[in-house]
Amino acid sequence: MTMHKISFKERSDTQDLLWLELELPSRENPKVGHMRATMLSRFLMDNGIDFGNYPPVWFDEKKWMYCFTRSSAGTFVYANDNGEWYDLNNLFNLLNIESEE
């Protein structure tokens, strides 16, 4: 079983962040990269992340990197470190959850 990294970080500016990271597939099996991106996209969509026609995460075989969508306009970033930070406060707002402070 492959472990994927999920970690939390609290920054001094009181922004609580969630790190989601995917392991790159072997060069012989790019389908694994697509599968992992699809699984994480489903998880994010099930938890309120919606970018319209764009998946939250996808795998680019040419650059051999995961890509994380940033907006419903389709803007995205290449994950040079295989992951992305998500602002927990924004996630709570998307999910209509009140954070306890």
C-alpha atoms as a PDB file:
ATOM      1  CA  MET A   1       0.000   0.000   0.000  1.00  0.00           C
ATOM      2  CA  THR A   2       1.325   3.422  -0.944  1.00  0.00           C
ATOM      3  CA  MET A   3       1.259   6.103   1.698  1.00  0.00           C
ATOM      4  CA  HIS A   4       0.231   9.580   0.658  1.00  0.00           C
ATOM      5  CA  LYS A   5       1.141  12.595   2.736  1.00  0.00           C
ATOM      6  CA  ILE A   6      -1.445  14.728   4.485  1.00  0.00           C
ATOM      7  CA  SER A   7      -0.224  17.251   7.018  1.00  0.00           C
ATOM      8  CA  PHE A   8      -1.429  20.349   8.798  1.00  0.00           C
ATOM      9  CA  LYS A   9       0.488  23.550   9.335  1.00  0.00           C
ATOM     10  CA  GLU A  10      -0.310  26.630  11.351  1.00  0.00           C
ATOM     11  CA  ARG A  11       1.386  29.782  10.135  1.00  0.00           C
ATOM     12  CA  SER A  12       2.120  32.861  12.182  1.00  0.00           C
ATOM     13  CA  ASP A  13      -0.460  34.845  10.197  1.00  0.00           C
ATOM     14  CA  THR A  14      -3.171  32.613  11.771  1.00  0.00           C
ATOM     15  CA  GLN A  15      -3.848  30.857   8.494  1.00  0.00           C
ATOM     16  CA  ASP A  16      -4.411  27.132   9.007  1.00  0.00           C
ATOM     17  CA  LEU A  17      -3.251  25.049   6.066  1.00  0.00           C
ATOM     18  CA  LEU A  18      -3.710  21.482   4.891  1.00  0.00           C
ATOM     19  CA  TRP A  19      -1.016  19.871   2.697  1.00  0.00           C
ATOM     20  CA  LEU A  20      -2.087  17.150   0.253  1.00  0.00           C
ATOM     21  CA  GLU A  21       0.670  15.294  -1.560  1.00  0.00           C
ATOM     22  CA  LEU A  22       0.636  12.465  -4.099  1.00  0.00           C
ATOM     23  CA  GLU A  23       3.502  10.133  -4.923  1.00  0.00           C
ATOM     24  CA  LEU A  24       4.594  10.180  -8.556  1.00  0.00           C
ATOM     25  CA  PRO A  25       4.036   6.940 -10.469  1.00  0.00           C
ATOM     26  CA  SER A  26       6.848   4.947 -12.032  1.00  0.00           C
ATOM     27  CA  ARG A  27       7.701   5.973 -15.608  1.00  0.00           C
ATOM     28  CA  GLU A  28       6.401   2.617 -16.810  1.00  0.00           C
ATOM     29  CA  ASN A  29       2.909   3.185 -15.437  1.00  0.00           C
ATOM     30  CA  PRO A  30       1.446   6.674 -16.013  1.00  0.00           C
ATOM     31  CA  LYS A  31      -2.059   5.283 -15.463  1.00  0.00           C
ATOM     32  CA  VAL A  32      -1.274   5.192 -11.750  1.00  0.00           C
ATOM     33  CA  GLY A  33      -0.719   8.973 -11.801  1.00  0.00           C
ATOM     34  CA  HIS A  34      -4.076   9.506 -13.476  1.00  0.00           C
ATOM     35  CA  MET A  35      -5.762   7.166 -10.990  1.00  0.00           C
ATOM     36  CA  ARG A  36      -4.259   8.948  -7.959  1.00  0.00           C
ATOM     37  CA  ALA A  37      -5.249  12.355  -9.343  1.00  0.00           C
ATOM     38  CA  THR A  38      -8.787  11.104  -9.960  1.00  0.00           C
ATOM     39  CA  MET A  39      -9.047   9.676  -6.450  1.00  0.00           C
ATOM     40  CA  LEU A  40      -7.865  12.922  -4.838  1.00  0.00           C
ATOM     41  CA  SER A  41     -10.167  14.940  -7.102  1.00  0.00           C
ATOM     42  CA  ARG A  42     -13.121  12.837  -5.999  1.00  0.00           C
ATOM     43  CA  PHE A  43     -12.163  13.331  -2.364  1.00  0.00           C
ATOM     44  CA  LEU A  44     -11.912  17.105  -2.815  1.00  0.00           C
ATOM     45  CA  MET A  45     -15.161  17.301  -4.790  1.00  0.00           C
ATOM     46  CA  ASP A  46     -16.937  15.206  -2.148  1.00  0.00           C
ATOM     47  CA  ASN A  47     -15.752  17.817   0.349  1.00  0.00           C
ATOM     48  CA  GLY A  48     -17.010  20.855  -1.512  1.00  0.00           C
ATOM     49  CA  ILE A  49     -14.177  21.767  -3.883  1.00  0.00           C
ATOM     50  CA  ASP A  50     -15.844  22.564  -7.206  1.00  0.00           C
ATOM     51  CA  PHE A  51     -14.139  24.157 -10.202  1.00  0.00           C
ATOM     52  CA  GLY A  52     -16.970  23.557 -12.666  1.00  0.00           C
ATOM     53  CA  ASN A  53     -15.706  21.640 -15.697  1.00  0.00           C
ATOM     54  CA  TYR A  54     -12.162  21.332 -14.333  1.00  0.00           C
ATOM     55  CA  PRO A  55     -10.981  18.562 -11.998  1.00  0.00           C
ATOM     56  CA  PRO A  56      -9.273  19.749  -8.806  1.00  0.00           C
ATOM     57  CA  VAL A  57      -6.244  17.541  -9.567  1.00  0.00           C
ATOM     58  CA  TRP A  58      -4.929  15.977 -12.767  1.00  0.00           C
ATOM     59  CA  PHE A  59      -1.761  14.314 -13.992  1.00  0.00           C
ATOM     60  CA  ASP A  60       0.282  15.708 -16.898  1.00  0.00           C
ATOM     61  CA  GLU A  61       2.207  12.879 -18.589  1.00  0.00           C
ATOM     62  CA  LYS A  62       4.400  15.221 -20.668  1.00  0.00           C
ATOM     63  CA  LYS A  63       5.740  17.126 -17.646  1.00  0.00           C
ATOM     64  CA  TRP A  64       5.324  14.111 -15.328  1.00  0.00           C
ATOM     65  CA  MET A  65       3.722  16.269 -12.665  1.00  0.00           C
ATOM     66  CA  TYR A  66       0.466  16.606 -10.815  1.00  0.00           C
ATOM     67  CA  CYS A  67      -1.496  19.756 -11.518  1.00  0.00           C
ATOM     68  CA  PHE A  68      -3.801  21.473  -9.052  1.00  0.00           C
ATOM     69  CA  THR A  69      -6.655  23.617 -10.350  1.00  0.00           C
ATOM     70  CA  ARG A  70      -6.959  27.001  -8.668  1.00  0.00           C
ATOM     71  CA  SER A  71     -10.205  28.417 -10.088  1.00  0.00           C
ATOM     72  CA  SER A  72     -13.292  27.668 -12.154  1.00  0.00           C
ATOM     73  CA  ALA A  73     -11.618  29.637 -14.960  1.00  0.00           C
ATOM     74  CA  GLY A  74      -9.237  26.686 -15.302  1.00  0.00           C
ATOM     75  CA  THR A  75      -6.108  28.290 -13.880  1.00  0.00           C
ATOM     76  CA  PHE A  76      -3.781  25.705 -12.361  1.00  0.00           C
ATOM     77  CA  VAL A  77      -0.311  25.190 -10.955  1.00  0.00           C
ATOM     78  CA  TYR A  78       2.194  22.435 -11.595  1.00  0.00           C
ATOM     79  CA  ALA A  79       3.080  20.746  -8.319  1.00  0.00           C
ATOM     80  CA  ASN A  80       6.871  20.735  -8.367  1.00  0.00           C
ATOM     81  CA  ASP A  81       6.762  19.063  -4.953  1.00  0.00           C
ATOM     82  CA  ASN A  82       3.808  16.741  -5.781  1.00  0.00           C
ATOM     83  CA  GLY A  83       1.380  18.539  -3.491  1.00  0.00           C
ATOM     84  CA  GLU A  84      -0.622  21.626  -2.706  1.00  0.00           C
ATOM     85  CA  TRP A  85      -1.561  23.675   0.368  1.00  0.00           C
ATOM     86  CA  TYR A  86      -5.254  24.262   1.017  1.00  0.00           C
ATOM     87  CA  ASP A  87      -6.474  26.988   3.348  1.00  0.00           C
ATOM     88  CA  LEU A  88      -8.665  25.276   5.937  1.00  0.00           C
ATOM     89  CA  ASN A  89     -10.656  28.451   6.532  1.00  0.00           C
ATOM     90  CA  ASN A  90     -11.564  28.596   2.833  1.00  0.00           C
ATOM     91  CA  LEU A  91     -12.510  24.913   2.909  1.00  0.00           C
ATOM     92  CA  PHE A  92     -14.714  25.556   5.923  1.00  0.00           C
ATOM     93  CA  ASN A  93     -16.384  28.430   4.069  1.00  0.00           C
ATOM     94  CA  LEU A  94     -16.991  26.209   1.031  1.00  0.00           C
ATOM     95  CA  LEU A  95     -18.482  23.541   3.273  1.00  0.00           C
ATOM     96  CA  ASN A  96     -20.451  26.032   5.410  1.00  0.00           C
ATOM     97  CA  ILE A  97     -18.651  24.860   8.531  1.00  0.00           C
ATOM     98  CA  GLU A  98     -17.953  27.313  11.335  1.00  0.00           C
ATOM     99  CA  SER A  99     -14.445  27.119  12.713  1.00  0.00           C
ATOM    100  CA  GLU A 100     -14.129  27.196  16.476  1.00  0.00           C
ATOM    101  CA  GLU A 101     -11.686  29.870  17.610  1.00  0.00           C
END
